Amino acid sequence: MARAEAFNMVNREIRRCHTSDLTAAELRALRGLLDLAFDGEFTDDDWQHGLGGTHVLVTVGGDLVAAGALVRRRFRHDGRSLRCGYVEAVATHPDHRREGHASAVMSLLESLAGTYDLLALSASEDGFGLYESRGWELWQGETSVQSPSGVVPTPGDDGSVFVRQGDTPLDLDSELTCDWRTGDVW
């Protein structure tokens, strides 16, 4: 499979590529979309979290209207280390919401599930409906992070983490621990 692929669907172009395939102009457009879609609450740490993986970019008439990324992380569950494809930076331009763009982004990101033990994401309340409709499962157990000082509970993230299980069975009622990173750990 080529590193960068383009898909045409219903008057839009959908491109899947690695961060390294994006031009400086595309990166600026992506950051602008994220800042707009998250109403100015998309931080520099959030930006860094979404880089270094696979991106899906949706353009209409040459304008970027939706995007999402899948980055590799390491999770722990029931004493096992898991390769996690973590969904980051899913956003749709406010003028193009409810047109199926986020579903198109998620479809291509989800198609990469076979290379991971699980897919995961942390959803805003606005995103719950999208992920539930696509078969994602809300994590019912406690969440935590493997911090530099050990495992630390993240109760503020309980009830916002969704997963798509792979071949590795998961107990959705037990603890799920993510790897450490700056900013929001989930």
C-alpha atoms as a PDB file:
ATOM      1  CA  MET A   1       0.000   0.000   0.000  1.00  0.00           C
ATOM      2  CA  ALA A   2       1.266   3.466  -0.842  1.00  0.00           C
ATOM      3  CA  ARG A   3       2.085   5.843   2.010  1.00  0.00           C
ATOM      4  CA  ALA A   4      -0.396   8.404   0.689  1.00  0.00           C
ATOM      5  CA  GLU A   5      -3.729   7.505  -0.836  1.00  0.00           C
ATOM      6  CA  ALA A   6      -6.543   9.614  -2.253  1.00  0.00           C
ATOM      7  CA  PHE A   7     -10.201   8.627  -2.348  1.00  0.00           C
ATOM      8  CA  ASN A   8     -12.972  10.466  -4.212  1.00  0.00           C
ATOM      9  CA  MET A   9     -16.497  10.321  -2.804  1.00  0.00           C
ATOM     10  CA  VAL A  10     -19.518  12.563  -3.394  1.00  0.00           C
ATOM     11  CA  ASN A  11     -17.787  15.786  -4.509  1.00  0.00           C
ATOM     12  CA  ARG A  12     -15.099  15.548  -1.912  1.00  0.00           C
ATOM     13  CA  GLU A  13     -11.556  14.286  -1.819  1.00  0.00           C
ATOM     14  CA  ILE A  14     -10.420  12.145   1.076  1.00  0.00           C
ATOM     15  CA  ARG A  15      -6.703  11.637   1.552  1.00  0.00           C
ATOM     16  CA  ARG A  16      -4.972   9.269   3.936  1.00  0.00           C
ATOM     17  CA  CYS A  17      -1.285   9.957   4.579  1.00  0.00           C
ATOM     18  CA  HIS A  18       1.437  10.084   7.213  1.00  0.00           C
ATOM     19  CA  THR A  19       2.390  13.344   8.932  1.00  0.00           C
ATOM     20  CA  SER A  20       5.679  13.288   7.015  1.00  0.00           C
ATOM     21  CA  ASP A  21       3.732  13.476   3.727  1.00  0.00           C
ATOM     22  CA  LEU A  22       2.037  16.762   4.650  1.00  0.00           C
ATOM     23  CA  THR A  23       3.418  19.997   3.262  1.00  0.00           C
ATOM     24  CA  ALA A  24       3.976  23.055   5.423  1.00  0.00           C
ATOM     25  CA  ALA A  25       0.864  24.634   3.870  1.00  0.00           C
ATOM     26  CA  GLU A  26      -1.213  21.525   4.642  1.00  0.00           C
ATOM     27  CA  LEU A  27       0.015  21.511   8.235  1.00  0.00           C
ATOM     28  CA  ARG A  28      -0.947  25.189   8.603  1.00  0.00           C
ATOM     29  CA  ALA A  29      -4.400  24.492   7.124  1.00  0.00           C
ATOM     30  CA  LEU A  30      -4.830  21.519   9.465  1.00  0.00           C
ATOM     31  CA  ARG A  31      -3.865  23.533  12.536  1.00  0.00           C
ATOM     32  CA  GLY A  32      -6.233  26.315  11.432  1.00  0.00           C
ATOM     33  CA  LEU A  33      -9.104  23.833  11.072  1.00  0.00           C
ATOM     34  CA  LEU A  34      -8.422  22.367  14.520  1.00  0.00           C
ATOM     35  CA  ASP A  35      -8.238  25.797  16.148  1.00  0.00           C
ATOM     36  CA  LEU A  36     -11.538  26.777  14.506  1.00  0.00           C
ATOM     37  CA  ALA A  37     -13.352  23.503  15.190  1.00  0.00           C
ATOM     38  CA  PHE A  38     -12.275  23.436  18.840  1.00  0.00           C
ATOM     39  CA  ASP A  39     -13.191  27.100  19.289  1.00  0.00           C
ATOM     40  CA  GLY A  40      -9.679  28.157  20.284  1.00  0.00           C
ATOM     41  CA  GLU A  41      -9.266  25.402  22.898  1.00  0.00           C
ATOM     42  CA  PHE A  42      -6.909  23.238  20.824  1.00  0.00           C
ATOM     43  CA  THR A  43      -3.561  23.543  22.607  1.00  0.00           C
ATOM     44  CA  ASP A  44       0.003  23.144  21.379  1.00  0.00           C
ATOM     45  CA  ASP A  45       0.135  19.856  23.324  1.00  0.00           C
ATOM     46  CA  ASP A  46      -3.039  18.695  21.542  1.00  0.00           C
ATOM     47  CA  TRP A  47      -1.346  19.574  18.234  1.00  0.00           C
ATOM     48  CA  GLN A  48       1.736  17.534  19.117  1.00  0.00           C
ATOM     49  CA  HIS A  49      -0.411  14.559  20.153  1.00  0.00           C
ATOM     50  CA  GLY A  50      -1.928  14.385  16.666  1.00  0.00           C
ATOM     51  CA  LEU A  51       1.388  14.332  14.785  1.00  0.00           C
ATOM     52  CA  GLY A  52       3.549  11.369  13.839  1.00  0.00           C
ATOM     53  CA  GLY A  53       0.823   9.040  12.669  1.00  0.00           C
ATOM     54  CA  THR A  54      -1.733   8.559   9.933  1.00  0.00           C
ATOM     55  CA  HIS A  55      -3.977  11.468   8.956  1.00  0.00           C
ATOM     56  CA  VAL A  56      -7.231  11.534   7.062  1.00  0.00           C
ATOM     57  CA  LEU A  57      -7.969  14.871   5.395  1.00  0.00           C
ATOM     58  CA  VAL A  58     -11.265  15.737   3.729  1.00  0.00           C
ATOM     59  CA  THR A  59     -11.358  18.594   1.244  1.00  0.00           C
ATOM     60  CA  VAL A  60     -14.312  20.060  -0.599  1.00  0.00           C
ATOM     61  CA  GLY A  61     -13.492  22.377  -3.466  1.00  0.00           C
ATOM     62  CA  GLY A  62      -9.863  22.379  -2.320  1.00  0.00           C
ATOM     63  CA  ASP A  63     -10.751  23.579   1.198  1.00  0.00           C
ATOM     64  CA  LEU A  64      -9.946  21.404   4.196  1.00  0.00           C
ATOM     65  CA  VAL A  65     -13.264  20.670   5.935  1.00  0.00           C
ATOM     66  CA  ALA A  66     -12.523  17.662   8.167  1.00  0.00           C
ATOM     67  CA  ALA A  67      -9.597  15.709   9.537  1.00  0.00           C
ATOM     68  CA  GLY A  68      -8.497  13.123  12.044  1.00  0.00           C
ATOM     69  CA  ALA A  69      -5.344  11.250  13.016  1.00  0.00           C
ATOM     70  CA  LEU A  70      -4.367   7.847  14.343  1.00  0.00           C
ATOM     71  CA  VAL A  71      -1.171   7.698  16.400  1.00  0.00           C
ATOM     72  CA  ARG A  72       0.567   4.805  18.108  1.00  0.00           C
ATOM     73  CA  ARG A  73       0.466   4.589  21.883  1.00  0.00           C
ATOM     74  CA  ARG A  74       1.141   1.922  24.514  1.00  0.00           C
ATOM     75  CA  PHE A  75      -1.626   0.977  26.973  1.00  0.00           C
ATOM     76  CA  ARG A  76      -1.760  -1.489  29.876  1.00  0.00           C
ATOM     77  CA  HIS A  77      -4.743  -3.656  30.677  1.00  0.00           C
ATOM     78  CA  ASP A  78      -5.006  -6.697  32.955  1.00  0.00           C
ATOM     79  CA  GLY A  79      -1.223  -6.931  33.230  1.00  0.00           C
ATOM     80  CA  ARG A  80      -0.672  -6.819  29.472  1.00  0.00           C
ATOM     81  CA  SER A  81       0.990  -4.167  27.346  1.00  0.00           C
ATOM     82  CA  LEU A  82      -1.158  -3.310  24.314  1.00  0.00           C
ATOM     83  CA  ARG A  83      -0.374  -1.574  21.038  1.00  0.00           C
ATOM     84  CA  CYS A  84      -3.020   1.106  20.766  1.00  0.00           C
ATOM     85  CA  GLY A  85      -4.058   3.109  17.736  1.00  0.00           C
ATOM     86  CA  TYR A  86      -5.207   6.317  19.389  1.00  0.00           C
ATOM     87  CA  VAL A  87      -7.564   8.637  17.548  1.00  0.00           C
ATOM     88  CA  GLU A  88      -6.615  12.298  17.825  1.00  0.00           C
ATOM     89  CA  ALA A  89      -7.629  15.643  16.391  1.00  0.00           C
ATOM     90  CA  VAL A  90     -10.945  14.664  14.806  1.00  0.00           C
ATOM     91  CA  ALA A  91     -12.541  17.888  13.641  1.00  0.00           C
ATOM     92  CA  THR A  92     -15.021  19.217  11.120  1.00  0.00           C
ATOM     93  CA  HIS A  93     -15.308  22.819   9.980  1.00  0.00           C
ATOM     94  CA  PRO A  94     -18.419  24.323  11.662  1.00  0.00           C
ATOM     95  CA  ASP A  95     -19.957  25.128   8.248  1.00  0.00           C
ATOM     96  CA  HIS A  96     -19.628  21.494   7.127  1.00  0.00           C
ATOM     97  CA  ARG A  97     -20.909  19.546  10.134  1.00  0.00           C
ATOM     98  CA  ARG A  98     -23.590  16.860   9.768  1.00  0.00           C
ATOM     99  CA  GLU A  99     -22.524  16.158   6.155  1.00  0.00           C
ATOM    100  CA  GLY A 100     -20.856  12.798   6.852  1.00  0.00           C
ATOM    101  CA  HIS A 101     -17.278  14.050   6.786  1.00  0.00           C
ATOM    102  CA  ALA A 102     -16.394  12.872  10.318  1.00  0.00           C
ATOM    103  CA  SER A 103     -17.836   9.440   9.517  1.00  0.00           C
ATOM    104  CA  ALA A 104     -15.656   9.272   6.405  1.00  0.00           C
ATOM    105  CA  VAL A 105     -12.601  10.219   8.478  1.00  0.00           C
ATOM    106  CA  MET A 106     -13.407   7.599  11.099  1.00  0.00           C
ATOM    107  CA  SER A 107     -14.051   4.900   8.505  1.00  0.00           C
ATOM    108  CA  LEU A 108     -10.538   5.240   7.100  1.00  0.00           C
ATOM    109  CA  LEU A 109      -8.932   5.468  10.540  1.00  0.00           C
ATOM    110  CA  GLU A 110     -10.867   2.397  11.705  1.00  0.00           C
ATOM    111  CA  SER A 111      -9.679   0.487   8.630  1.00  0.00           C
ATOM    112  CA  LEU A 112      -6.217   0.457  10.241  1.00  0.00           C
ATOM    113  CA  ALA A 113      -7.451  -1.399  13.343  1.00  0.00           C
ATOM    114  CA  GLY A 114      -5.819  -4.682  12.325  1.00  0.00           C
ATOM    115  CA  THR A 115      -2.358  -3.314  13.032  1.00  0.00           C
ATOM    116  CA  TYR A 116      -3.202  -2.661  16.710  1.00  0.00           C
ATOM    117  CA  ASP A 117      -4.479  -4.580  19.730  1.00  0.00           C
ATOM    118  CA  LEU A 118      -7.181  -1.936  20.171  1.00  0.00           C
ATOM    119  CA  LEU A 119      -8.243   1.495  19.028  1.00  0.00           C
ATOM    120  CA  ALA A 120      -9.078   4.132  21.631  1.00  0.00           C
ATOM    121  CA  LEU A 121     -10.035   7.776  21.923  1.00  0.00           C
ATOM    122  CA  SER A 122     -11.243  10.309  24.427  1.00  0.00           C
ATOM    123  CA  ALA A 123     -14.493  11.902  23.299  1.00  0.00           C
ATOM    124  CA  SER A 124     -16.139  15.184  24.079  1.00  0.00           C
ATOM    125  CA  GLU A 125     -19.840  14.972  24.872  1.00  0.00           C
ATOM    126  CA  ASP A 126     -20.520  16.265  21.344  1.00  0.00           C
ATOM    127  CA  GLY A 127     -18.662  13.275  19.894  1.00  0.00           C
ATOM    128  CA  PHE A 128     -20.421  10.532  21.876  1.00  0.00           C
ATOM    129  CA  GLY A 129     -23.152   9.997  19.284  1.00  0.00           C
ATOM    130  CA  LEU A 130     -20.701   9.616  16.409  1.00  0.00           C
ATOM    131  CA  TYR A 131     -18.563   7.024  18.164  1.00  0.00           C
ATOM    132  CA  GLU A 132     -21.481   5.056  19.622  1.00  0.00           C
ATOM    133  CA  SER A 133     -23.137   4.939  16.180  1.00  0.00           C
ATOM    134  CA  ARG A 134     -19.932   3.465  14.749  1.00  0.00           C
ATOM    135  CA  GLY A 135     -19.778   0.638  17.301  1.00  0.00           C
ATOM    136  CA  TRP A 136     -17.208   2.097  19.674  1.00  0.00           C
ATOM    137  CA  GLU A 137     -17.655   0.978  23.289  1.00  0.00           C
ATOM    138  CA  LEU A 138     -17.504   3.326  26.267  1.00  0.00           C
ATOM    139  CA  TRP A 139     -14.880   2.176  28.777  1.00  0.00           C
ATOM    140  CA  GLN A 140     -16.729   1.434  32.025  1.00  0.00           C
ATOM    141  CA  GLY A 141     -13.759   0.896  34.331  1.00  0.00           C
ATOM    142  CA  GLU A 142     -11.347   3.348  35.849  1.00  0.00           C
ATOM    143  CA  THR A 143      -8.693   5.059  33.781  1.00  0.00           C
ATOM    144  CA  SER A 144      -5.129   5.878  34.776  1.00  0.00           C
ATOM    145  CA  VAL A 145      -1.802   6.978  33.348  1.00  0.00           C
ATOM    146  CA  GLN A 146       1.671   5.463  33.688  1.00  0.00           C
ATOM    147  CA  SER A 147       3.296   8.704  34.867  1.00  0.00           C
ATOM    148  CA  PRO A 148       6.984   9.246  35.609  1.00  0.00           C
ATOM    149  CA  SER A 149       6.121   8.661  39.287  1.00  0.00           C
ATOM    150  CA  GLY A 150       4.029   5.517  38.721  1.00  0.00           C
ATOM    151  CA  VAL A 151       0.427   4.722  37.872  1.00  0.00           C
ATOM    152  CA  VAL A 152      -1.852   7.668  38.663  1.00  0.00           C
ATOM    153  CA  PRO A 153      -5.668   7.498  38.461  1.00  0.00           C
ATOM    154  CA  THR A 154      -7.316   9.887  35.963  1.00  0.00           C
ATOM    155  CA  PRO A 155     -10.879  10.080  37.334  1.00  0.00           C
ATOM    156  CA  GLY A 156     -11.632  13.195  35.284  1.00  0.00           C
ATOM    157  CA  ASP A 157     -11.332  11.033  32.157  1.00  0.00           C
ATOM    158  CA  ASP A 158     -13.541   8.193  33.404  1.00  0.00           C
ATOM    159  CA  GLY A 159     -16.652   8.001  31.247  1.00  0.00           C
ATOM    160  CA  SER A 160     -15.080   9.659  28.192  1.00  0.00           C
ATOM    161  CA  VAL A 161     -12.786   6.926  26.824  1.00  0.00           C
ATOM    162  CA  PHE A 162     -14.077   4.806  23.950  1.00  0.00           C
ATOM    163  CA  VAL A 163     -12.453   1.662  22.548  1.00  0.00           C
ATOM    164  CA  ARG A 164     -12.772  -0.646  19.561  1.00  0.00           C
ATOM    165  CA  GLN A 165     -11.613  -4.065  20.521  1.00  0.00           C
ATOM    166  CA  GLY A 166      -9.369  -6.125  18.310  1.00  0.00           C
ATOM    167  CA  ASP A 167      -8.462  -9.784  18.709  1.00  0.00           C
ATOM    168  CA  THR A 168      -7.288  -9.173  22.281  1.00  0.00           C
ATOM    169  CA  PRO A 169     -10.313  -9.481  24.619  1.00  0.00           C
ATOM    170  CA  LEU A 170     -10.765  -6.549  26.980  1.00  0.00           C
ATOM    171  CA  ASP A 171     -12.668  -6.333  30.250  1.00  0.00           C
ATOM    172  CA  LEU A 172     -14.413  -2.977  29.839  1.00  0.00           C
ATOM    173  CA  ASP A 173     -15.089  -2.829  33.593  1.00  0.00           C
ATOM    174  CA  SER A 174     -11.463  -3.035  34.706  1.00  0.00           C
ATOM    175  CA  GLU A 175      -8.685  -0.448  34.721  1.00  0.00           C
ATOM    176  CA  LEU A 176      -7.136   0.901  31.504  1.00  0.00           C
ATOM    177  CA  THR A 177      -3.785   2.689  31.760  1.00  0.00           C
ATOM    178  CA  CYS A 178      -2.396   4.917  29.038  1.00  0.00           C
ATOM    179  CA  ASP A 179       1.208   5.950  28.475  1.00  0.00           C
ATOM    180  CA  TRP A 180       2.512   9.303  29.696  1.00  0.00           C
ATOM    181  CA  ARG A 181       2.585  12.458  27.582  1.00  0.00           C
ATOM    182  CA  THR A 182       2.478  16.187  28.266  1.00  0.00           C
ATOM    183  CA  GLY A 183      -0.877  17.955  28.317  1.00  0.00           C
ATOM    184  CA  ASP A 184      -4.039  15.852  28.388  1.00  0.00           C
ATOM    185  CA  VAL A 185      -2.938  12.249  28.821  1.00  0.00           C
ATOM    186  CA  TRP A 186      -6.179  10.899  27.346  1.00  0.00           C
END
